[in-house]
């Protein structure tokens, strides 16, 4: 689950399960959520994981911070129940951050996230390049 370019960020782990890792870079005021390639065994686990990840950094502490959601290793899913789960949790997960990036690997992933953005009204810049995403999140 460790991306190749970890040295770019000086992170401290805040939460880790087989499905997610949440780390913070306090100097750059960046929250980094990394989704692993481990599939959820069932809907309840997915829901529980999203709730836990969202609770790691309370909304009241997100002002002035940026969010990097790294989905490069995640396996794509588009079944209706899972899509509804994402639609329910995406706004809360993105709330309060000054800048938001979702890091993706494929064009299919980009199209799925663009559709989710339209459906939920939550926006994030989409990147395939980690270094470019970090520059955007930490730049002026």
C-alpha atoms as a PDB file:
ATOM      1  CA  UNK A   1       0.000   0.000   0.000  1.00  0.00           C
ATOM      2  CA  UNK A   2       3.022   2.313   0.143  1.00  0.00           C
ATOM      3  CA  UNK A   3       3.264   4.488  -2.982  1.00  0.00           C
ATOM      4  CA  UNK A   4       6.718   4.874  -4.523  1.00  0.00           C
ATOM      5  CA  UNK A   5       7.086   8.555  -3.734  1.00  0.00           C
ATOM      6  CA  UNK A   6       6.444   8.665  -0.008  1.00  0.00           C
ATOM      7  CA  UNK A   7       9.599  10.789   0.606  1.00  0.00           C
ATOM      8  CA  UNK A   8       7.807  13.744  -0.966  1.00  0.00           C
ATOM      9  CA  UNK A   9       5.653  13.894   2.149  1.00  0.00           C
ATOM     10  CA  UNK A  10       6.626  13.754   5.799  1.00  0.00           C
ATOM     11  CA  UNK A  11       3.631  11.822   7.043  1.00  0.00           C
ATOM     12  CA  UNK A  12       2.375  10.498  10.325  1.00  0.00           C
ATOM     13  CA  UNK A  13      -0.110   7.624  10.221  1.00  0.00           C
ATOM     14  CA  UNK A  14      -3.426   8.382  11.892  1.00  0.00           C
ATOM     15  CA  UNK A  15      -5.442   5.307  10.903  1.00  0.00           C
ATOM     16  CA  UNK A  16      -4.788   2.035   9.118  1.00  0.00           C
ATOM     17  CA  UNK A  17      -6.815  -1.030   8.182  1.00  0.00           C
ATOM     18  CA  UNK A  18      -6.454  -3.561   5.361  1.00  0.00           C
ATOM     19  CA  UNK A  19      -8.594  -1.181   3.256  1.00  0.00           C
ATOM     20  CA  UNK A  20      -7.329   2.314   4.082  1.00  0.00           C
ATOM     21  CA  UNK A  21      -4.423   4.252   5.413  1.00  0.00           C
ATOM     22  CA  UNK A  22      -4.880   7.846   6.569  1.00  0.00           C
ATOM     23  CA  UNK A  23      -1.731   9.891   7.066  1.00  0.00           C
ATOM     24  CA  UNK A  24      -1.128  13.572   7.694  1.00  0.00           C
ATOM     25  CA  UNK A  25       1.708  15.858   6.721  1.00  0.00           C
ATOM     26  CA  UNK A  26       1.447  18.597   9.343  1.00  0.00           C
ATOM     27  CA  UNK A  27       4.024  20.867   7.716  1.00  0.00           C
ATOM     28  CA  UNK A  28       2.157  20.902   4.397  1.00  0.00           C
ATOM     29  CA  UNK A  29      -1.270  20.684   6.107  1.00  0.00           C
ATOM     30  CA  UNK A  30      -2.213  17.712   3.960  1.00  0.00           C
ATOM     31  CA  UNK A  31      -4.408  14.705   4.731  1.00  0.00           C
ATOM     32  CA  UNK A  32      -3.573  11.680   2.587  1.00  0.00           C
ATOM     33  CA  UNK A  33      -6.167   8.901   2.344  1.00  0.00           C
ATOM     34  CA  UNK A  34      -4.848   5.824   0.569  1.00  0.00           C
ATOM     35  CA  UNK A  35      -7.254   3.099  -0.541  1.00  0.00           C
ATOM     36  CA  UNK A  36      -5.591  -0.307  -0.797  1.00  0.00           C
ATOM     37  CA  UNK A  37      -6.304  -2.961  -3.393  1.00  0.00           C
ATOM     38  CA  UNK A  38      -7.984  -5.167  -0.754  1.00  0.00           C
ATOM     39  CA  UNK A  39     -11.629  -5.722  -1.781  1.00  0.00           C
ATOM     40  CA  UNK A  40     -14.362  -5.216   0.762  1.00  0.00           C
ATOM     41  CA  UNK A  41     -15.859  -8.570   1.766  1.00  0.00           C
ATOM     42  CA  UNK A  42     -19.349  -7.052   1.997  1.00  0.00           C
ATOM     43  CA  UNK A  43     -21.360  -3.841   1.923  1.00  0.00           C
ATOM     44  CA  UNK A  44     -21.324  -3.422   5.717  1.00  0.00           C
ATOM     45  CA  UNK A  45     -17.528  -3.438   5.818  1.00  0.00           C
ATOM     46  CA  UNK A  46     -17.361  -0.808   3.082  1.00  0.00           C
ATOM     47  CA  UNK A  47     -19.843   1.399   4.940  1.00  0.00           C
ATOM     48  CA  UNK A  48     -18.007   0.965   8.245  1.00  0.00           C
ATOM     49  CA  UNK A  49     -14.649   1.762   6.661  1.00  0.00           C
ATOM     50  CA  UNK A  50     -15.927   4.939   5.011  1.00  0.00           C
ATOM     51  CA  UNK A  51     -17.447   6.096   8.290  1.00  0.00           C
ATOM     52  CA  UNK A  52     -14.207   5.441  10.153  1.00  0.00           C
ATOM     53  CA  UNK A  53     -12.052   7.197   7.557  1.00  0.00           C
ATOM     54  CA  UNK A  54     -14.339  10.218   7.574  1.00  0.00           C
ATOM     55  CA  UNK A  55     -14.056  10.452  11.350  1.00  0.00           C
ATOM     56  CA  UNK A  56     -10.252  10.488  11.513  1.00  0.00           C
ATOM     57  CA  UNK A  57     -10.029  14.245  10.906  1.00  0.00           C
ATOM     58  CA  UNK A  58     -13.086  16.059  12.332  1.00  0.00           C
ATOM     59  CA  UNK A  59     -14.668  18.727  10.115  1.00  0.00           C
ATOM     60  CA  UNK A  60     -13.782  21.371  12.682  1.00  0.00           C
ATOM     61  CA  UNK A  61     -10.072  20.679  12.085  1.00  0.00           C
ATOM     62  CA  UNK A  62     -10.089  20.648   8.277  1.00  0.00           C
ATOM     63  CA  UNK A  63      -9.971  24.396   7.629  1.00  0.00           C
ATOM     64  CA  UNK A  64      -6.665  25.335   6.028  1.00  0.00           C
ATOM     65  CA  UNK A  65      -5.880  21.716   5.139  1.00  0.00           C
ATOM     66  CA  UNK A  66      -5.887  19.922   1.795  1.00  0.00           C
ATOM     67  CA  UNK A  67      -7.103  16.413   1.010  1.00  0.00           C
ATOM     68  CA  UNK A  68      -5.410  13.848  -1.215  1.00  0.00           C
ATOM     69  CA  UNK A  69      -7.438  10.696  -1.845  1.00  0.00           C
ATOM     70  CA  UNK A  70      -5.224   8.108  -3.497  1.00  0.00           C
ATOM     71  CA  UNK A  71      -7.254   5.517  -5.393  1.00  0.00           C
ATOM     72  CA  UNK A  72      -4.502   4.239  -7.672  1.00  0.00           C
ATOM     73  CA  UNK A  73      -4.493   0.770  -6.124  1.00  0.00           C
ATOM     74  CA  UNK A  74      -8.254   0.467  -5.586  1.00  0.00           C
ATOM     75  CA  UNK A  75     -10.258  -1.967  -7.653  1.00  0.00           C
ATOM     76  CA  UNK A  76     -13.061  -0.225  -9.486  1.00  0.00           C
ATOM     77  CA  UNK A  77     -16.659  -0.937  -8.537  1.00  0.00           C
ATOM     78  CA  UNK A  78     -19.820   0.430 -10.037  1.00  0.00           C
ATOM     79  CA  UNK A  79     -22.591  -1.776  -8.693  1.00  0.00           C
ATOM     80  CA  UNK A  80     -25.628   0.317  -7.694  1.00  0.00           C
ATOM     81  CA  UNK A  81     -25.441  -0.354  -3.942  1.00  0.00           C
ATOM     82  CA  UNK A  82     -21.778   0.635  -3.789  1.00  0.00           C
ATOM     83  CA  UNK A  83     -22.402   3.714  -5.939  1.00  0.00           C
ATOM     84  CA  UNK A  84     -25.133   4.797  -3.523  1.00  0.00           C
ATOM     85  CA  UNK A  85     -22.770   4.298  -0.583  1.00  0.00           C
ATOM     86  CA  UNK A  86     -20.153   6.533  -2.212  1.00  0.00           C
ATOM     87  CA  UNK A  87     -22.789   9.155  -3.012  1.00  0.00           C
ATOM     88  CA  UNK A  88     -23.820   9.195   0.656  1.00  0.00           C
ATOM     89  CA  UNK A  89     -20.280   9.507   2.036  1.00  0.00           C
ATOM     90  CA  UNK A  90     -18.463  11.619  -0.549  1.00  0.00           C
ATOM     91  CA  UNK A  91     -19.831  15.033   0.541  1.00  0.00           C
ATOM     92  CA  UNK A  92     -18.909  14.473   4.198  1.00  0.00           C
ATOM     93  CA  UNK A  93     -15.494  13.101   3.303  1.00  0.00           C
ATOM     94  CA  UNK A  94     -14.666  16.162   1.173  1.00  0.00           C
ATOM     95  CA  UNK A  95     -16.237  18.765   3.488  1.00  0.00           C
ATOM     96  CA  UNK A  96     -14.079  21.488   4.986  1.00  0.00           C
ATOM     97  CA  UNK A  97     -10.874  20.976   3.013  1.00  0.00           C
ATOM     98  CA  UNK A  98      -9.502  23.958   1.110  1.00  0.00           C
ATOM     99  CA  UNK A  99      -8.257  21.879  -1.824  1.00  0.00           C
ATOM    100  CA  UNK A 100      -9.149  18.347  -2.796  1.00  0.00           C
ATOM    101  CA  UNK A 101      -7.465  15.913  -5.172  1.00  0.00           C
ATOM    102  CA  UNK A 102      -8.364  12.386  -6.124  1.00  0.00           C
ATOM    103  CA  UNK A 103      -5.396  10.483  -7.491  1.00  0.00           C
ATOM    104  CA  UNK A 104      -6.418   7.898 -10.069  1.00  0.00           C
ATOM    105  CA  UNK A 105      -4.747   5.388 -12.352  1.00  0.00           C
ATOM    106  CA  UNK A 106      -7.038   4.952 -15.364  1.00  0.00           C
ATOM    107  CA  UNK A 107      -9.292   6.835 -17.750  1.00  0.00           C
ATOM    108  CA  UNK A 108     -12.181   4.620 -16.620  1.00  0.00           C
ATOM    109  CA  UNK A 109     -11.563   5.719 -13.035  1.00  0.00           C
ATOM    110  CA  UNK A 110     -11.528   9.331 -14.172  1.00  0.00           C
ATOM    111  CA  UNK A 111     -14.883   8.968 -15.919  1.00  0.00           C
ATOM    112  CA  UNK A 112     -16.423   7.274 -12.877  1.00  0.00           C
ATOM    113  CA  UNK A 113     -15.209  10.028 -10.548  1.00  0.00           C
ATOM    114  CA  UNK A 114     -16.402  12.766 -12.895  1.00  0.00           C
ATOM    115  CA  UNK A 115     -19.850  11.161 -12.894  1.00  0.00           C
ATOM    116  CA  UNK A 116     -19.830  10.931  -9.078  1.00  0.00           C
ATOM    117  CA  UNK A 117     -18.852  14.598  -8.958  1.00  0.00           C
ATOM    118  CA  UNK A 118     -21.826  15.569 -11.105  1.00  0.00           C
ATOM    119  CA  UNK A 119     -24.199  13.403  -9.081  1.00  0.00           C
ATOM    120  CA  UNK A 120     -23.055  14.580  -5.631  1.00  0.00           C
ATOM    121  CA  UNK A 121     -22.009  18.149  -6.384  1.00  0.00           C
ATOM    122  CA  UNK A 122     -18.668  17.588  -4.649  1.00  0.00           C
ATOM    123  CA  UNK A 123     -15.623  18.667  -6.583  1.00  0.00           C
ATOM    124  CA  UNK A 124     -12.018  17.570  -6.560  1.00  0.00           C
ATOM    125  CA  UNK A 125      -9.186  17.917  -9.015  1.00  0.00           C
ATOM    126  CA  UNK A 126      -8.322  14.614 -10.689  1.00  0.00           C
ATOM    127  CA  UNK A 127      -4.684  13.691 -11.171  1.00  0.00           C
ATOM    128  CA  UNK A 128      -2.747  10.660 -12.344  1.00  0.00           C
ATOM    129  CA  UNK A 129       0.637  12.047 -11.287  1.00  0.00           C
ATOM    130  CA  UNK A 130       1.381  12.064  -7.553  1.00  0.00           C
ATOM    131  CA  UNK A 131       4.009  14.805  -7.646  1.00  0.00           C
ATOM    132  CA  UNK A 132       1.757  17.126  -9.674  1.00  0.00           C
ATOM    133  CA  UNK A 133      -1.111  16.476  -7.260  1.00  0.00           C
ATOM    134  CA  UNK A 134       1.056  17.361  -4.256  1.00  0.00           C
ATOM    135  CA  UNK A 135       2.307  20.522  -5.970  1.00  0.00           C
ATOM    136  CA  UNK A 136      -1.279  21.589  -6.616  1.00  0.00           C
ATOM    137  CA  UNK A 137      -2.349  20.867  -3.034  1.00  0.00           C
ATOM    138  CA  UNK A 138       0.595  22.591  -1.395  1.00  0.00           C
ATOM    139  CA  UNK A 139       1.119  25.461  -3.804  1.00  0.00           C
ATOM    140  CA  UNK A 140      -0.001  29.071  -3.448  1.00  0.00           C
END
